[in-house]
Amino acid sequence: MKPHSEACERNREPILQVLRQWFVQPGTAMEIGAGTGQHAVHFAAHLPHLQWQPTDCEANLAGIGLWVSEAALPNLRAPLKLDVRDSTWPVEAVDYVFSANTSHIMSWPEVELMFAGIGRVQLADGSWIEAPAAVILQLAYAALTGSALAAQRGLNATVSLRLQQGACSVVSCTADERPLIASTEPR
């Protein structure tokens, strides 16, 4: 059975509006944590200048594959297994990196490994990704409490540090998908 997420249906347009500002040149976009595959299909359909490469953990690949197969888009690739804990990722050269709603379900060491992995990914021309080629969308829920709130604050601190170092760009959104912060100006 093909997985489905109502949240993906609700937030895909606001996210697409952000991606259209950042992912403007033709190239390959790697999605970290494609989940159901709904975002991958929607973004590939609306960003035809990009080759969209969904990735996720093994458990989600079959469901993503169902969305990809049904869509049959020429710029949407089959999903690849990605475990952020692995030192070698299945995609080594891309032009853009996208992830939404992943870091809040990862352990803190996994979040750090995700950012380290993004830092190891090269552009298709062999150069290294620089801001703003990586966009991480993280929904910030007002209901965060205790350790979840501490993790979110920790993520914000790490993101701020990474931004100062030019490692990535992050856009956070509120629970109703309104942009909360944008780290740098879009391309």
Protein backbone atom coordinates (compact mmCIF):
# COMPACT_ATOMS: atom_id res chain seq x y z
CA MET A 1 0.00 0.00 0.00
CA LYS A 2 1.27 3.46 -0.93
CA PRO A 3 1.97 5.56 2.19
CA HIS A 4 0.21 8.90 2.58
CA SER A 5 0.72 11.89 4.86
CA GLU A 6 -1.83 14.67 5.29
CA ALA A 7 0.98 16.89 6.59
CA CYS A 8 2.79 16.52 3.26
CA GLU A 9 -0.33 17.59 1.44
CA ARG A 10 -0.65 20.67 3.66
CA ASN A 11 2.96 21.83 3.62
CA ARG A 12 4.12 20.99 0.10
CA GLU A 13 3.13 24.33 -1.45
CA PRO A 14 4.78 26.55 1.18
CA ILE A 15 7.93 24.42 0.94
CA LEU A 16 7.84 24.57 -2.86
CA GLN A 17 7.69 28.38 -2.66
CA VAL A 18 10.93 28.34 -0.65
CA LEU A 19 12.63 25.85 -2.97
CA ARG A 20 11.76 27.96 -6.01
CA GLN A 21 13.73 30.81 -4.46
CA TRP A 22 16.81 28.70 -3.75
CA PHE A 23 17.01 25.87 -6.30
CA VAL A 24 16.97 28.02 -9.40
CA GLN A 25 19.69 26.60 -11.66
CA PRO A 26 19.40 23.22 -13.40
CA GLY A 27 21.03 20.39 -11.51
CA THR A 28 20.51 17.46 -9.15
CA ALA A 29 18.75 17.80 -5.80
CA MET A 30 19.20 15.14 -3.14
CA GLU A 31 16.34 14.85 -0.65
CA ILE A 32 17.39 13.47 2.74
CA GLY A 33 14.53 11.64 4.45
CA ALA A 34 11.96 11.47 1.65
CA GLY A 35 9.47 9.75 3.99
CA THR A 36 6.36 8.80 2.03
CA GLY A 37 7.71 10.11 -1.28
CA GLN A 38 4.93 12.67 -1.69
CA HIS A 39 7.26 15.66 -1.48
CA ALA A 40 9.65 14.09 -3.99
CA VAL A 41 6.87 13.66 -6.55
CA HIS A 42 5.43 17.13 -5.98
CA PHE A 43 8.76 18.93 -6.13
CA ALA A 44 10.01 16.99 -9.17
CA ALA A 45 6.76 17.80 -10.99
CA HIS A 46 7.05 21.51 -10.21
CA LEU A 47 10.82 21.88 -10.55
CA PRO A 48 11.44 20.20 -13.92
CA HIS A 49 14.88 21.79 -14.23
CA LEU A 50 16.06 19.53 -11.40
CA GLN A 51 16.84 15.83 -11.26
CA TRP A 52 15.24 14.91 -7.92
CA GLN A 53 16.97 12.14 -5.94
CA PRO A 54 14.97 10.95 -2.92
CA THR A 55 16.83 9.11 -0.16
CA ASP A 56 15.70 7.54 3.09
CA CYS A 57 16.25 4.62 5.42
CA GLU A 58 15.64 1.11 4.10
CA ALA A 59 12.20 0.82 5.75
CA ASN A 60 10.75 3.68 3.66
CA LEU A 61 12.19 2.86 0.24
CA ALA A 62 9.35 0.61 -0.98
CA GLY A 63 6.68 3.23 -0.21
CA ILE A 64 8.70 6.00 -1.84
CA GLY A 65 9.21 3.71 -4.81
CA LEU A 66 5.44 3.35 -5.23
CA TRP A 67 5.03 7.14 -5.46
CA VAL A 68 7.98 7.43 -7.86
CA SER A 69 6.75 4.62 -10.11
CA GLU A 70 3.20 5.96 -10.26
CA ALA A 71 4.39 9.49 -11.08
CA ALA A 72 6.70 8.28 -13.86
CA LEU A 73 8.41 11.68 -14.05
CA PRO A 74 11.56 11.85 -16.22
CA ASN A 75 13.38 13.95 -13.60
CA LEU A 76 12.47 11.83 -10.57
CA ARG A 77 14.97 9.11 -9.73
CA ALA A 78 14.37 5.87 -7.86
CA PRO A 79 14.91 6.24 -4.11
CA LEU A 80 18.28 5.35 -2.61
CA LYS A 81 19.05 4.01 0.84
CA LEU A 82 20.72 6.64 3.01
CA ASP A 83 21.69 6.20 6.63
CA VAL A 84 23.20 9.46 7.87
CA ARG A 85 25.41 7.39 10.21
CA ASP A 86 27.26 5.90 7.23
CA SER A 87 30.56 7.52 6.31
CA THR A 88 29.85 6.96 2.61
CA TRP A 89 26.59 8.21 1.16
CA PRO A 90 24.97 6.79 -2.01
CA VAL A 91 25.14 10.20 -3.70
CA GLU A 92 28.51 11.92 -3.83
CA ALA A 93 27.90 14.74 -6.30
CA VAL A 94 24.78 16.93 -6.33
CA ASP A 95 23.93 20.57 -6.83
CA TYR A 96 21.40 20.91 -4.01
CA VAL A 97 20.52 19.15 -0.77
CA PHE A 98 17.02 19.30 0.71
CA SER A 99 15.56 17.83 3.87
CA ALA A 100 12.30 18.52 5.67
CA ASN A 101 11.13 17.28 9.03
CA THR A 102 14.04 14.96 9.64
CA SER A 103 16.20 16.35 12.42
CA HIS A 104 13.44 16.33 15.03
CA ILE A 105 13.05 12.56 14.71
CA MET A 106 16.80 11.85 14.77
CA SER A 107 19.05 11.53 17.76
CA TRP A 108 21.35 14.50 18.29
CA PRO A 109 24.44 12.56 17.09
CA GLU A 110 22.52 11.66 13.92
CA VAL A 111 21.68 15.33 13.30
CA GLU A 112 25.37 16.18 13.59
CA LEU A 113 26.22 13.31 11.22
CA MET A 114 23.63 14.56 8.72
CA PHE A 115 25.28 18.00 8.64
CA ALA A 116 28.72 16.40 8.41
CA GLY A 117 27.51 14.26 5.49
CA ILE A 118 26.08 17.28 3.72
CA GLY A 119 29.47 18.91 4.16
CA ARG A 120 31.12 15.93 2.38
CA VAL A 121 28.81 16.02 -0.66
CA GLN A 122 30.40 17.57 -3.72
CA LEU A 123 28.81 19.54 -6.50
CA ALA A 124 28.58 17.79 -9.85
CA ASP A 125 31.54 19.85 -11.10
CA GLY A 126 33.74 18.55 -8.26
CA SER A 127 33.63 21.67 -6.08
CA TRP A 128 32.18 21.59 -2.56
CA ILE A 129 28.64 22.65 -1.69
CA GLU A 130 28.50 26.13 -0.23
CA ALA A 131 25.56 28.01 1.24
CA PRO A 132 22.83 28.34 0.07
CA ALA A 133 22.98 25.05 -1.87
CA ALA A 134 21.70 23.09 1.12
CA VAL A 135 18.26 23.95 2.44
CA ILE A 136 16.96 22.21 5.54
CA LEU A 137 13.34 22.82 6.42
CA GLN A 138 12.46 22.08 10.00
CA LEU A 139 8.98 22.54 11.37
CA ALA A 140 9.07 24.13 14.80
CA TYR A 141 6.11 23.09 16.90
CA ALA A 142 5.03 25.22 19.85
CA ALA A 143 4.28 22.04 21.79
CA LEU A 144 7.96 21.13 22.13
CA THR A 145 8.78 20.46 25.76
CA GLY A 146 11.59 18.97 27.84
CA SER A 147 14.26 17.14 25.89
CA ALA A 148 12.55 17.82 22.56
CA LEU A 149 12.75 21.56 23.23
CA ALA A 150 16.37 21.23 24.33
CA ALA A 151 17.16 19.32 21.13
CA GLN A 152 15.46 22.01 19.02
CA ARG A 153 17.45 24.71 20.82
CA GLY A 154 20.60 22.67 20.27
CA LEU A 155 19.76 22.33 16.58
CA ASN A 156 19.25 26.09 16.34
CA ALA A 157 22.63 26.69 18.00
CA THR A 158 24.40 24.25 15.68
CA VAL A 159 22.65 25.69 12.64
CA SER A 160 23.71 29.20 13.65
CA LEU A 161 27.30 28.03 13.98
CA ARG A 162 27.20 26.21 10.66
CA LEU A 163 25.69 29.26 8.97
CA GLN A 164 28.46 31.47 10.33
CA GLN A 165 30.94 28.98 8.87
CA GLY A 166 29.07 28.95 5.55
CA ALA A 167 28.27 25.22 5.83
CA CYS A 168 24.57 25.33 4.97
CA SER A 169 21.40 27.35 4.87
CA VAL A 170 18.36 26.59 6.96
CA VAL A 171 14.78 27.76 6.77
CA SER A 172 12.63 27.01 9.79
CA CYS A 173 8.85 27.08 9.58
CA THR A 174 6.17 27.37 12.20
CA ALA A 175 3.59 24.60 12.58
CA ASP A 176 1.33 26.39 10.09
CA GLU A 177 4.20 26.35 7.54
CA ARG A 178 4.93 30.08 7.64
CA PRO A 179 8.66 30.77 7.29
CA LEU A 180 10.13 31.62 10.67
CA ILE A 181 13.74 32.35 9.72
CA ALA A 182 15.73 32.32 6.53
CA SER A 183 19.46 32.25 6.99
CA THR A 184 20.62 34.05 3.87
CA GLU A 185 19.08 35.70 0.86
CA PRO A 186 17.92 33.31 -1.87
CA ARG A 187 19.97 33.06 -5.03
